[in-house]
């Protein structure tokens, strides 16, 4: 049964609007630019940018822009104007930990981080997905006006996390807001 589901997932991924990337990616509508790694594949969905090299289940980097005035899908906690970066981290981490598809969520680190000149956070966590695969994740984010920006790296803890951590760090370092308030 798992082989059939994997085949369907792979088949459906082939139908998705995947585009090979490399170099500067700029989105005026979401107010950011970022350098994407050569040879990775990109999929845009709403306010989310998703890239992967070997498949989204093995490793992916996501960039999200969320309107702080809208509710999050997995938590009742909300963003509010003037929140400190660690308070913002608490909201987004609770949203992740409350997702029913994430099991055994463990926060390893939560520290301050400057992102594109903005005060933000860097959180490292480990969890299992609903198939039992152990995932290591780095979630970095910050607030800019009414928007929350999140840059996230998820990878299978064994092999893939260490393989592509440098790529994620390069993407994170290149992230820039186009218009600064």
Protein backbone atom coordinates (compact mmCIF):
# COMPACT_ATOMS: atom_id res chain seq x y z
CA UNK A 1 0.00 0.00 0.00
CA UNK A 2 2.82 2.43 0.86
CA UNK A 3 4.43 1.76 -2.54
CA UNK A 4 1.17 2.62 -4.28
CA UNK A 5 0.83 5.87 -2.28
CA UNK A 6 4.46 6.79 -3.04
CA UNK A 7 3.87 6.13 -6.75
CA UNK A 8 0.76 8.34 -6.70
CA UNK A 9 2.69 11.10 -4.88
CA UNK A 10 5.54 10.96 -7.38
CA UNK A 11 3.10 10.93 -10.28
CA UNK A 12 1.15 13.89 -8.89
CA UNK A 13 4.37 15.83 -8.28
CA UNK A 14 5.15 15.42 -11.96
CA UNK A 15 1.85 17.15 -12.77
CA UNK A 16 2.53 20.07 -10.45
CA UNK A 17 3.97 23.29 -11.89
CA UNK A 18 7.58 22.46 -11.03
CA UNK A 19 10.27 24.64 -12.58
CA UNK A 20 14.03 24.19 -12.37
CA UNK A 21 15.69 27.13 -10.61
CA UNK A 22 19.02 28.76 -10.05
CA UNK A 23 19.90 32.37 -9.35
CA UNK A 24 17.91 35.41 -8.30
CA UNK A 25 14.20 34.93 -7.64
CA UNK A 26 12.25 38.14 -7.09
CA UNK A 27 8.59 38.54 -6.22
CA UNK A 28 7.33 42.11 -6.05
CA UNK A 29 3.89 40.93 -4.89
CA UNK A 30 5.44 39.25 -1.83
CA UNK A 31 8.12 41.92 -1.37
CA UNK A 32 11.25 39.76 -1.33
CA UNK A 33 14.12 38.46 -3.38
CA UNK A 34 16.30 35.43 -2.76
CA UNK A 35 19.05 33.50 -4.53
CA UNK A 36 17.84 29.98 -5.31
CA UNK A 37 20.28 27.09 -5.66
CA UNK A 38 21.17 25.75 -9.10
CA UNK A 39 19.50 22.50 -10.09
CA UNK A 40 16.71 22.59 -7.50
CA UNK A 41 13.04 22.56 -8.46
CA UNK A 42 10.55 25.29 -7.49
CA UNK A 43 6.82 25.20 -6.89
CA UNK A 44 4.81 28.29 -5.99
CA UNK A 45 1.54 27.93 -4.12
CA UNK A 46 -0.16 31.10 -2.95
CA UNK A 47 2.10 32.87 -0.48
CA UNK A 48 4.48 29.89 -0.30
CA UNK A 49 7.63 29.22 -2.28
CA UNK A 50 8.77 25.59 -2.08
CA UNK A 51 12.03 24.23 -3.50
CA UNK A 52 13.59 20.78 -3.39
CA UNK A 53 16.40 18.89 -5.06
CA UNK A 54 15.66 15.26 -4.29
CA UNK A 55 11.94 15.43 -3.44
CA UNK A 56 9.87 17.29 -0.86
CA UNK A 57 9.81 14.29 1.49
CA UNK A 58 13.63 14.15 1.60
CA UNK A 59 14.48 17.85 1.77
CA UNK A 60 12.82 21.17 1.07
CA UNK A 61 13.23 24.85 1.68
CA UNK A 62 10.10 26.95 2.04
CA UNK A 63 9.56 30.68 2.17
CA UNK A 64 6.20 31.86 3.44
CA UNK A 65 4.62 35.24 3.91
CA UNK A 66 1.66 35.26 6.25
CA UNK A 67 -0.70 38.11 7.00
CA UNK A 68 -0.46 38.54 10.77
CA UNK A 69 -4.13 39.57 10.89
CA UNK A 70 -5.30 36.14 9.66
CA UNK A 71 -5.55 33.05 11.88
CA UNK A 72 -2.97 30.30 11.64
CA UNK A 73 -4.25 26.83 10.69
CA UNK A 74 -3.11 24.78 13.70
CA UNK A 75 -3.11 27.08 16.73
CA UNK A 76 -5.35 29.60 18.41
CA UNK A 77 -2.35 31.80 19.16
CA UNK A 78 -2.06 34.92 17.03
CA UNK A 79 0.53 37.43 15.98
CA UNK A 80 0.09 40.95 17.28
CA UNK A 81 1.68 44.27 16.47
CA UNK A 82 4.83 45.01 18.45
CA UNK A 83 5.61 41.39 19.37
CA UNK A 84 9.21 40.61 20.24
CA UNK A 85 10.95 38.11 17.92
CA UNK A 86 10.86 35.37 20.59
CA UNK A 87 7.11 35.93 21.02
CA UNK A 88 6.69 35.60 17.25
CA UNK A 89 8.71 32.37 17.43
CA UNK A 90 6.40 31.02 20.13
CA UNK A 91 3.35 31.58 17.94
CA UNK A 92 4.78 29.95 14.82
CA UNK A 93 6.35 27.06 16.77
CA UNK A 94 3.04 26.37 18.48
CA UNK A 95 1.40 26.31 15.07
CA UNK A 96 3.95 23.72 13.89
CA UNK A 97 3.76 21.59 17.05
CA UNK A 98 -0.06 21.62 16.90
CA UNK A 99 -0.14 20.24 13.35
CA UNK A 100 -1.64 16.71 13.55
CA UNK A 101 0.80 15.51 10.86
CA UNK A 102 3.79 16.34 13.09
CA UNK A 103 4.56 13.83 15.83
CA UNK A 104 6.99 13.91 18.77
CA UNK A 105 7.87 17.58 18.21
CA UNK A 106 11.05 18.56 20.09
CA UNK A 107 12.47 22.07 20.13
CA UNK A 108 16.27 21.92 20.27
CA UNK A 109 17.18 25.58 19.92
CA UNK A 110 15.47 28.95 19.73
CA UNK A 111 17.75 31.96 19.38
CA UNK A 112 17.72 35.53 18.00
CA UNK A 113 18.76 36.07 14.40
CA UNK A 114 18.93 39.08 12.06
CA UNK A 115 17.27 38.41 8.71
CA UNK A 116 17.51 41.05 6.01
CA UNK A 117 18.25 43.59 8.77
CA UNK A 118 15.16 42.59 10.76
CA UNK A 119 15.19 41.18 14.27
CA UNK A 120 13.98 37.61 14.05
CA UNK A 121 14.57 34.12 15.36
CA UNK A 122 16.16 30.81 14.42
CA UNK A 123 14.55 27.65 15.79
CA UNK A 124 15.81 24.11 15.34
CA UNK A 125 13.52 21.17 15.97
CA UNK A 126 13.13 17.47 15.34
CA UNK A 127 9.90 15.60 14.74
CA UNK A 128 8.49 12.57 12.98
CA UNK A 129 6.14 12.86 10.08
CA UNK A 130 2.99 10.74 9.94
CA UNK A 131 4.96 7.98 8.14
CA UNK A 132 7.47 7.81 11.00
CA UNK A 133 10.36 9.50 9.14
CA UNK A 134 12.51 11.59 11.50
CA UNK A 135 12.78 15.15 10.19
CA UNK A 136 15.14 17.87 11.34
CA UNK A 137 13.97 21.40 10.70
CA UNK A 138 15.32 24.93 10.94
CA UNK A 139 12.69 27.65 11.00
CA UNK A 140 13.77 31.30 10.78
CA UNK A 141 11.35 34.18 10.74
CA UNK A 142 10.55 37.80 11.48
CA UNK A 143 7.74 40.35 11.36
CA UNK A 144 7.72 43.32 8.97
CA UNK A 145 4.66 45.54 9.34
CA UNK A 146 1.65 43.21 9.18
CA UNK A 147 3.58 40.37 7.51
CA UNK A 148 5.34 37.38 8.99
CA UNK A 149 8.14 36.03 6.80
CA UNK A 150 9.34 32.50 7.44
CA UNK A 151 12.30 30.72 5.84
CA UNK A 152 12.24 27.03 6.67
CA UNK A 153 14.44 24.00 5.95
CA UNK A 154 13.13 20.47 6.47
CA UNK A 155 15.08 17.31 5.71
CA UNK A 156 15.28 13.68 6.67
CA UNK A 157 17.62 13.75 9.65
CA UNK A 158 19.77 10.94 8.31
CA UNK A 159 21.92 11.99 5.37
CA UNK A 160 19.80 14.74 3.77
CA UNK A 161 19.85 17.30 6.58
CA UNK A 162 23.65 17.56 6.67
CA UNK A 163 23.88 17.25 2.88
CA UNK A 164 21.93 20.44 2.21
CA UNK A 165 22.34 22.59 5.33
CA UNK A 166 24.89 24.85 3.60
CA UNK A 167 22.47 25.38 0.70
CA UNK A 168 19.79 26.48 3.16
CA UNK A 169 22.20 28.86 4.91
CA UNK A 170 23.05 30.43 1.53
CA UNK A 171 19.36 30.88 0.70
CA UNK A 172 18.66 32.39 4.13
CA UNK A 173 21.61 34.78 3.87
CA UNK A 174 20.49 35.97 0.43
CA UNK A 175 16.89 36.72 1.50
CA UNK A 176 16.09 40.44 1.18
CA UNK A 177 12.95 42.52 1.46
CA UNK A 178 12.48 44.63 -1.67
CA UNK A 179 10.70 47.58 -0.01
CA UNK A 180 11.66 48.33 3.55
CA UNK A 181 9.02 50.11 5.62
